Amino acid sequence: LQHLVEGLSVVGISYYATALIGHVLEGGESLVH
């Protein structure tokens, strides 16, 4: 269960991390094409 939770944690953390990065990139898209 710990391994399963750990795997899900990787997915969840990665999801939120990429979402934050995506917001940053979308904001910089108007400055840099």
PDB file of all heavy atoms in Angstrom:
ATOM      1  N   LEU A   1       0.829  -1.207   0.000  1.00  0.00           N
ATOM      2  CA  LEU A   1       0.000   0.000   0.000  1.00  0.00           C
ATOM      3  C   LEU A   1       0.859   1.250   0.000  1.00  0.00           C
ATOM      4  O   LEU A   1       0.531   2.262  -0.654  1.00  0.00           O
ATOM      5  CB  LEU A   1      -0.919  -0.003   1.224  1.00  0.00           C
ATOM      6  CG  LEU A   1      -2.085  -1.000   1.193  1.00  0.00           C
ATOM      7  CD1 LEU A   1      -2.808  -1.008   2.537  1.00  0.00           C
ATOM      8  CD2 LEU A   1      -3.066  -0.658   0.074  1.00  0.00           C
ATOM      9  N   GLN A   2       1.955   1.162   0.736  1.00  0.00           N
ATOM     10  CA  GLN A   2       2.858   2.313   0.782  1.00  0.00           C
ATOM     11  C   GLN A   2       3.436   2.598  -0.599  1.00  0.00           C
ATOM     12  O   GLN A   2       3.526   3.760  -1.034  1.00  0.00           O
ATOM     13  CB  GLN A   2       3.979   2.042   1.784  1.00  0.00           C
ATOM     14  CG  GLN A   2       4.963   3.198   1.918  1.00  0.00           C
ATOM     15  CD  GLN A   2       6.066   2.878   2.911  1.00  0.00           C
ATOM     16  OE1 GLN A   2       6.034   1.846   3.553  1.00  0.00           O
ATOM     17  NE2 GLN A   2       7.033   3.774   2.991  1.00  0.00           N
ATOM     18  N   HIS A   3       3.832   1.520  -1.314  1.00  0.00           N
ATOM     19  CA  HIS A   3       4.348   1.703  -2.675  1.00  0.00           C
ATOM     20  C   HIS A   3       3.275   2.272  -3.591  1.00  0.00           C
ATOM     21  O   HIS A   3       3.562   3.138  -4.446  1.00  0.00           O
ATOM     22  CB  HIS A   3       4.838   0.371  -3.229  1.00  0.00           C
ATOM     23  CG  HIS A   3       6.109  -0.098  -2.582  1.00  0.00           C
ATOM     24  ND1 HIS A   3       6.597  -1.380  -2.744  1.00  0.00           N
ATOM     25  CD2 HIS A   3       7.005   0.530  -1.779  1.00  0.00           C
ATOM     26  CE1 HIS A   3       7.722  -1.503  -2.060  1.00  0.00           C
ATOM     27  NE2 HIS A   3       7.983  -0.348  -1.452  1.00  0.00           N
ATOM     28  N   LEU A   4       2.037   1.774  -3.410  1.00  0.00           N
ATOM     29  CA  LEU A   4       0.943   2.290  -4.228  1.00  0.00           C
ATOM     30  C   LEU A   4       0.702   3.771  -3.945  1.00  0.00           C
ATOM     31  O   LEU A   4       0.565   4.594  -4.876  1.00  0.00           O
ATOM     32  CB  LEU A   4      -0.319   1.489  -3.961  1.00  0.00           C
ATOM     33  CG  LEU A   4      -1.598   1.963  -4.694  1.00  0.00           C
ATOM     34  CD1 LEU A   4      -1.394   1.888  -6.220  1.00  0.00           C
ATOM     35  CD2 LEU A   4      -2.800   1.119  -4.281  1.00  0.00           C
ATOM     36  N   VAL A   5       0.691   4.096  -2.651  1.00  0.00           N
ATOM     37  CA  VAL A   5       0.478   5.502  -2.282  1.00  0.00           C
ATOM     38  C   VAL A   5       1.625   6.364  -2.790  1.00  0.00           C
ATOM     39  O   VAL A   5       1.434   7.507  -3.235  1.00  0.00           O
ATOM     40  CB  VAL A   5       0.326   5.620  -0.751  1.00  0.00           C
ATOM     41  CG1 VAL A   5       0.348   7.087  -0.324  1.00  0.00           C
ATOM     42  CG2 VAL A   5      -0.956   4.961  -0.293  1.00  0.00           C
ATOM     43  N   GLU A   6       2.823   5.788  -2.716  1.00  0.00           N
ATOM     44  CA  GLU A   6       3.987   6.535  -3.177  1.00  0.00           C
ATOM     45  C   GLU A   6       3.868   6.814  -4.682  1.00  0.00           C
ATOM     46  O   GLU A   6       4.181   7.916  -5.158  1.00  0.00           O
ATOM     47  CB  GLU A   6       5.247   5.734  -2.884  1.00  0.00           C
ATOM     48  CG  GLU A   6       6.531   6.491  -3.179  1.00  0.00           C
ATOM     49  CD  GLU A   6       7.754   5.685  -2.765  1.00  0.00           C
ATOM     50  OE1 GLU A   6       7.712   5.084  -1.673  1.00  0.00           O
ATOM     51  OE2 GLU A   6       8.723   5.652  -3.533  1.00  0.00           O
ATOM     52  N   GLY A   7       3.405   5.783  -5.419  1.00  0.00           N
ATOM     53  CA  GLY A   7       3.226   5.998  -6.857  1.00  0.00           C
ATOM     54  C   GLY A   7       2.161   7.036  -7.155  1.00  0.00           C
ATOM     55  O   GLY A   7       2.338   7.909  -8.017  1.00  0.00           O
ATOM     56  N   LEU A   8       1.058   6.958  -6.415  1.00  0.00           N
ATOM     57  CA  LEU A   8       0.011   7.959  -6.603  1.00  0.00           C
ATOM     58  C   LEU A   8       0.494   9.338  -6.194  1.00  0.00           C
ATOM     59  O   LEU A   8       0.099  10.357  -6.794  1.00  0.00           O
ATOM     60  CB  LEU A   8      -1.227   7.570  -5.789  1.00  0.00           C
ATOM     61  CG  LEU A   8      -1.937   6.284  -6.244  1.00  0.00           C
ATOM     62  CD1 LEU A   8      -3.075   5.947  -5.277  1.00  0.00           C
ATOM     63  CD2 LEU A   8      -2.477   6.425  -7.665  1.00  0.00           C
ATOM     64  N   SER A   9       1.341   9.363  -5.163  1.00  0.00           N
ATOM     65  CA  SER A   9       1.881  10.654  -4.738  1.00  0.00           C
ATOM     66  C   SER A   9       2.723  11.278  -5.837  1.00  0.00           C
ATOM     67  O   SER A   9       2.694  12.508  -6.065  1.00  0.00           O
ATOM     68  CB  SER A   9       2.719  10.477  -3.469  1.00  0.00           C
ATOM     69  OG  SER A   9       1.919   9.992  -2.415  1.00  0.00           O
ATOM     70  N   VAL A  10       3.509  10.450  -6.529  1.00  0.00           N
ATOM     71  CA  VAL A  10       4.324  10.960  -7.641  1.00  0.00           C
ATOM     72  C   VAL A  10       3.425  11.575  -8.711  1.00  0.00           C
ATOM     73  O   VAL A  10       3.680  12.679  -9.236  1.00  0.00           O
ATOM     74  CB  VAL A  10       5.195   9.831  -8.229  1.00  0.00           C
ATOM     75  CG1 VAL A  10       5.857  10.290  -9.538  1.00  0.00           C
ATOM     76  CG2 VAL A  10       6.240   9.399  -7.214  1.00  0.00           C
ATOM     77  N   VAL A  11       2.338  10.856  -9.016  1.00  0.00           N
ATOM     78  CA  VAL A  11       1.422  11.357 -10.045  1.00  0.00           C
ATOM     79  C   VAL A  11       0.776  12.663  -9.599  1.00  0.00           C
ATOM     80  O   VAL A  11       0.698  13.656 -10.349  1.00  0.00           O
ATOM     81  CB  VAL A  11       0.356  10.301 -10.373  1.00  0.00           C
ATOM     82  CG1 VAL A  11      -0.701  10.881 -11.327  1.00  0.00           C
ATOM     83  CG2 VAL A  11       1.001   9.086 -10.982  1.00  0.00           C
ATOM     84  N   GLY A  12       0.303  12.671  -8.324  1.00  0.00           N
ATOM     85  CA  GLY A  12      -0.387  13.865  -7.836  1.00  0.00           C
ATOM     86  C   GLY A  12       0.529  15.065  -7.767  1.00  0.00           C
ATOM     87  O   GLY A  12       0.161  16.173  -8.201  1.00  0.00           O
ATOM     88  N   ILE A  13       1.748  14.858  -7.195  1.00  0.00           N
ATOM     89  CA  ILE A  13       2.685  15.975  -7.079  1.00  0.00           C
ATOM     90  C   ILE A  13       3.089  16.468  -8.468  1.00  0.00           C
ATOM     91  O   ILE A  13       3.170  17.682  -8.729  1.00  0.00           O
ATOM     92  CB  ILE A  13       3.913  15.548  -6.253  1.00  0.00           C
ATOM     93  CG1 ILE A  13       3.510  15.271  -4.802  1.00  0.00           C
ATOM     94  CG2 ILE A  13       4.983  16.624  -6.304  1.00  0.00           C
ATOM     95  CD1 ILE A  13       4.619  14.665  -3.962  1.00  0.00           C
ATOM     96  N   SER A  14       3.331  15.504  -9.361  1.00  0.00           N
ATOM     97  CA  SER A  14       3.734  15.891 -10.727  1.00  0.00           C
ATOM     98  C   SER A  14       2.607  16.676 -11.417  1.00  0.00           C
ATOM     99  O   SER A  14       2.860  17.652 -12.155  1.00  0.00           O
ATOM    100  CB  SER A  14       4.087  14.650 -11.550  1.00  0.00           C
ATOM    101  OG  SER A  14       5.165  13.956 -10.946  1.00  0.00           O
ATOM    102  N   TYR A  15       1.383  16.259 -11.183  1.00  0.00           N
ATOM    103  CA  TYR A  15       0.241  16.939 -11.810  1.00  0.00           C
ATOM    104  C   TYR A  15       0.175  18.400 -11.372  1.00  0.00           C
ATOM    105  O   TYR A  15       0.051  19.306 -12.204  1.00  0.00           O
ATOM    106  CB  TYR A  15      -1.051  16.219 -11.448  1.00  0.00           C
ATOM    107  CG  TYR A  15      -2.294  16.918 -11.909  1.00  0.00           C
ATOM    108  CD1 TYR A  15      -2.712  16.873 -13.253  1.00  0.00           C
ATOM    109  CD2 TYR A  15      -3.048  17.676 -11.007  1.00  0.00           C
ATOM    110  CE1 TYR A  15      -3.841  17.544 -13.664  1.00  0.00           C
ATOM    111  CE2 TYR A  15      -4.176  18.340 -11.408  1.00  0.00           C
ATOM    112  CZ  TYR A  15      -4.579  18.275 -12.744  1.00  0.00           C
ATOM    113  OH  TYR A  15      -5.714  18.941 -13.149  1.00  0.00           O
ATOM    114  N   TYR A  16       0.255  18.611 -10.062  1.00  0.00           N
ATOM    115  CA  TYR A  16       0.152  19.979  -9.573  1.00  0.00           C
ATOM    116  C   TYR A  16       1.386  20.788  -9.976  1.00  0.00           C
ATOM    117  O   TYR A  16       1.301  22.011 -10.260  1.00  0.00           O
ATOM    118  CB  TYR A  16      -0.017  19.998  -8.049  1.00  0.00           C
ATOM    119  CG  TYR A  16      -1.406  19.582  -7.633  1.00  0.00           C
ATOM    120  CD1 TYR A  16      -1.631  18.363  -7.035  1.00  0.00           C
ATOM    121  CD2 TYR A  16      -2.504  20.440  -7.861  1.00  0.00           C
ATOM    122  CE1 TYR A  16      -2.898  17.976  -6.662  1.00  0.00           C
ATOM    123  CE2 TYR A  16      -3.779  20.060  -7.491  1.00  0.00           C
ATOM    124  CZ  TYR A  16      -3.980  18.825  -6.884  1.00  0.00           C
ATOM    125  OH  TYR A  16      -5.241  18.464  -6.537  1.00  0.00           O
ATOM    126  N   ALA A  17       2.541  20.129  -9.989  1.00  0.00           N
ATOM    127  CA  ALA A  17       3.756  20.854 -10.372  1.00  0.00           C
ATOM    128  C   ALA A  17       3.695  21.311 -11.839  1.00  0.00           C
ATOM    129  O   ALA A  17       4.013  22.476 -12.183  1.00  0.00           O
ATOM    130  CB  ALA A  17       4.990  19.983 -10.146  1.00  0.00           C
ATOM    131  N   THR A  18       3.287  20.408 -12.733  1.00  0.00           N
ATOM    132  CA  THR A  18       3.183  20.765 -14.155  1.00  0.00           C
ATOM    133  C   THR A  18       2.088  21.804 -14.373  1.00  0.00           C
ATOM    134  O   THR A  18       2.191  22.669 -15.257  1.00  0.00           O
ATOM    135  CB  THR A  18       2.908  19.522 -15.010  1.00  0.00           C
ATOM    136  OG1 THR A  18       1.762  18.838 -14.482  1.00  0.00           O
ATOM    137  CG2 THR A  18       4.105  18.582 -15.001  1.00  0.00           C
ATOM    138  N   ALA A  19       1.027  21.750 -13.577  1.00  0.00           N
ATOM    139  CA  ALA A  19      -0.043  22.752 -13.696  1.00  0.00           C
ATOM    140  C   ALA A  19       0.487  24.130 -13.351  1.00  0.00           C
ATOM    141  O   ALA A  19       0.203  25.126 -14.034  1.00  0.00           O
ATOM    142  CB  ALA A  19      -1.216  22.385 -12.795  1.00  0.00           C
ATOM    143  N   LEU A  20       1.289  24.198 -12.265  1.00  0.00           N
ATOM    144  CA  LEU A  20       1.862  25.478 -11.886  1.00  0.00           C
ATOM    145  C   LEU A  20       2.829  25.972 -12.962  1.00  0.00           C
ATOM    146  O   LEU A  20       2.840  27.176 -13.331  1.00  0.00           O
ATOM    147  CB  LEU A  20       2.596  25.333 -10.535  1.00  0.00           C
ATOM    148  CG  LEU A  20       1.693  25.120  -9.323  1.00  0.00           C
ATOM    149  CD1 LEU A  20       2.541  24.838  -8.075  1.00  0.00           C
ATOM    150  CD2 LEU A  20       0.816  26.356  -9.087  1.00  0.00           C
ATOM    151  N   ILE A  21       3.643  25.051 -13.458  1.00  0.00           N
ATOM    152  CA  ILE A  21       4.592  25.433 -14.496  1.00  0.00           C
ATOM    153  C   ILE A  21       3.843  25.891 -15.751  1.00  0.00           C
ATOM    154  O   ILE A  21       4.219  26.850 -16.454  1.00  0.00           O
ATOM    155  CB  ILE A  21       5.541  24.270 -14.811  1.00  0.00           C
ATOM    156  CG1 ILE A  21       6.435  23.989 -13.591  1.00  0.00           C
ATOM    157  CG2 ILE A  21       6.394  24.576 -16.039  1.00  0.00           C
ATOM    158  CD1 ILE A  21       7.289  22.752 -13.725  1.00  0.00           C
ATOM    159  N   GLY A  22       2.743  25.193 -16.063  1.00  0.00           N
ATOM    160  CA  GLY A  22       1.938  25.566 -17.246  1.00  0.00           C
ATOM    161  C   GLY A  22       1.392  26.963 -17.123  1.00  0.00           C
ATOM    162  O   GLY A  22       1.372  27.728 -18.103  1.00  0.00           O
ATOM    163  N   HIS A  23       0.910  27.316 -15.901  1.00  0.00           N
ATOM    164  CA  HIS A  23       0.410  28.679 -15.701  1.00  0.00           C
ATOM    165  C   HIS A  23       1.522  29.692 -15.912  1.00  0.00           C
ATOM    166  O   HIS A  23       1.300  30.775 -16.510  1.00  0.00           O
ATOM    167  CB  HIS A  23      -0.182  28.836 -14.297  1.00  0.00           C
ATOM    168  CG  HIS A  23      -1.484  28.111 -14.128  1.00  0.00           C
ATOM    169  ND1 HIS A  23      -2.596  28.361 -14.937  1.00  0.00           N
ATOM    170  CD2 HIS A  23      -1.866  27.164 -13.242  1.00  0.00           C
ATOM    171  CE1 HIS A  23      -3.599  27.588 -14.559  1.00  0.00           C
ATOM    172  NE2 HIS A  23      -3.172  26.835 -13.508  1.00  0.00           N
ATOM    173  N   VAL A  24       2.716  29.355 -15.425  1.00  0.00           N
ATOM    174  CA  VAL A  24       3.833  30.286 -15.610  1.00  0.00           C
ATOM    175  C   VAL A  24       4.166  30.438 -17.096  1.00  0.00           C
ATOM    176  O   VAL A  24       4.371  31.551 -17.612  1.00  0.00           O
ATOM    177  CB  VAL A  24       5.071  29.808 -14.837  1.00  0.00           C
ATOM    178  CG1 VAL A  24       6.287  30.672 -15.171  1.00  0.00           C
ATOM    179  CG2 VAL A  24       4.798  29.841 -13.344  1.00  0.00           C
ATOM    180  N   LEU A  25       4.209  29.338 -17.810  1.00  0.00           N
ATOM    181  CA  LEU A  25       4.536  29.381 -19.230  1.00  0.00           C
ATOM    182  C   LEU A  25       3.458  30.111 -20.025  1.00  0.00           C
ATOM    183  O   LEU A  25       3.750  30.842 -20.995  1.00  0.00           O
ATOM    184  CB  LEU A  25       4.743  27.959 -19.769  1.00  0.00           C
ATOM    185  CG  LEU A  25       5.977  27.230 -19.229  1.00  0.00           C
ATOM    186  CD1 LEU A  25       6.010  25.803 -19.759  1.00  0.00           C
ATOM    187  CD2 LEU A  25       7.259  27.962 -19.603  1.00  0.00           C
ATOM    188  N   GLU A  26       2.199  29.907 -19.667  1.00  0.00           N
ATOM    189  CA  GLU A  26       1.124  30.595 -20.382  1.00  0.00           C
ATOM    190  C   GLU A  26       1.227  32.104 -20.187  1.00  0.00           C
ATOM    191  O   GLU A  26       0.919  32.913 -21.085  1.00  0.00           O
ATOM    192  CB  GLU A  26      -0.227  30.092 -19.882  1.00  0.00           C
ATOM    193  CG  GLU A  26      -0.550  28.685 -20.356  1.00  0.00           C
ATOM    194  CD  GLU A  26      -1.871  28.182 -19.762  1.00  0.00           C
ATOM    195  OE1 GLU A  26      -2.494  28.930 -18.978  1.00  0.00           O
ATOM    196  OE2 GLU A  26      -2.254  27.020 -20.066  1.00  0.00           O
ATOM    197  N   GLY A  27       1.670  32.475 -18.945  1.00  0.00           N
ATOM    198  CA  GLY A  27       1.849  33.921 -18.727  1.00  0.00           C
ATOM    199  C   GLY A  27       3.005  34.488 -19.524  1.00  0.00           C
ATOM    200  O   GLY A  27       2.974  35.642 -19.985  1.00  0.00           O
ATOM    201  N   GLY A  28       4.029  33.731 -19.724  1.00  0.00           N
ATOM    202  CA  GLY A  28       5.194  34.229 -20.471  1.00  0.00           C
ATOM    203  C   GLY A  28       5.035  34.052 -21.968  1.00  0.00           C
ATOM    204  O   GLY A  28       5.874  34.527 -22.747  1.00  0.00           O
ATOM    205  N   GLU A  29       3.954  33.388 -22.412  1.00  0.00           N
ATOM    206  CA  GLU A  29       3.745  33.146 -23.843  1.00  0.00           C
ATOM    207  C   GLU A  29       3.525  34.467 -24.596  1.00  0.00           C
ATOM    208  O   GLU A  29       3.901  34.616 -25.768  1.00  0.00           O
ATOM    209  CB  GLU A  29       2.555  32.199 -24.037  1.00  0.00           C
ATOM    210  CG  GLU A  29       2.407  31.701 -25.466  1.00  0.00           C
ATOM    211  CD  GLU A  29       1.248  30.725 -25.572  1.00  0.00           C
ATOM    212  OE1 GLU A  29       0.391  30.693 -24.643  1.00  0.00           O
ATOM    213  OE2 GLU A  29       1.192  29.964 -26.545  1.00  0.00           O
ATOM    214  N   SER A  30       2.897  35.483 -23.944  1.00  0.00           N
ATOM    215  CA  SER A  30       2.640  36.767 -24.615  1.00  0.00           C
ATOM    216  C   SER A  30       3.914  37.588 -24.760  1.00  0.00           C
ATOM    217  O   SER A  30       3.993  38.496 -25.587  1.00  0.00           O
ATOM    218  CB  SER A  30       1.588  37.556 -23.822  1.00  0.00           C
ATOM    219  OG  SER A  30       2.060  37.790 -22.497  1.00  0.00           O
ATOM    220  N   LEU A  31       4.897  37.309 -23.909  1.00  0.00           N
ATOM    221  CA  LEU A  31       6.160  38.047 -23.969  1.00  0.00           C
ATOM    222  C   LEU A  31       7.124  37.395 -24.952  1.00  0.00           C
ATOM    223  O   LEU A  31       7.832  38.075 -25.704  1.00  0.00           O
ATOM    224  CB  LEU A  31       6.811  38.124 -22.574  1.00  0.00           C
ATOM    225  CG  LEU A  31       5.980  38.847 -21.500  1.00  0.00           C
ATOM    226  CD1 LEU A  31       6.696  38.766 -20.154  1.00  0.00           C
ATOM    227  CD2 LEU A  31       5.784  40.311 -21.888  1.00  0.00           C
ATOM    228  N   VAL A  32       7.175  36.102 -24.880  1.00  0.00           N
ATOM    229  CA  VAL A  32       8.081  35.361 -25.755  1.00  0.00           C
ATOM    230  C   VAL A  32       7.225  34.426 -26.584  1.00  0.00           C
ATOM    231  O   VAL A  32       6.418  33.683 -26.029  1.00  0.00           O
ATOM    232  CB  VAL A  32       9.136  34.572 -24.972  1.00  0.00           C
ATOM    233  CG1 VAL A  32      10.052  33.823 -25.921  1.00  0.00           C
ATOM    234  CG2 VAL A  32       9.937  35.513 -24.077  1.00  0.00           C
ATOM    235  N   HIS A  33       7.396  34.499 -27.851  1.00  0.00           N
ATOM    236  CA  HIS A  33       6.539  33.694 -28.717  1.00  0.00           C
ATOM    237  C   HIS A  33       7.027  32.244 -28.737  1.00  0.00           C
ATOM    238  O   HIS A  33       8.090  31.935 -29.269  1.00  0.00           O
ATOM    239  CB  HIS A  33       6.539  34.267 -30.150  1.00  0.00           C
ATOM    240  CG  HIS A  33       5.932  35.637 -30.240  1.00  0.00           C
ATOM    241  ND1 HIS A  33       4.570  35.865 -30.161  1.00  0.00           N
ATOM    242  CD2 HIS A  33       6.526  36.879 -30.361  1.00  0.00           C
ATOM    243  CE1 HIS A  33       4.329  37.162 -30.241  1.00  0.00           C
ATOM    244  NE2 HIS A  33       5.532  37.823 -30.367  1.00  0.00           N
TER     245      HIS A  33
END
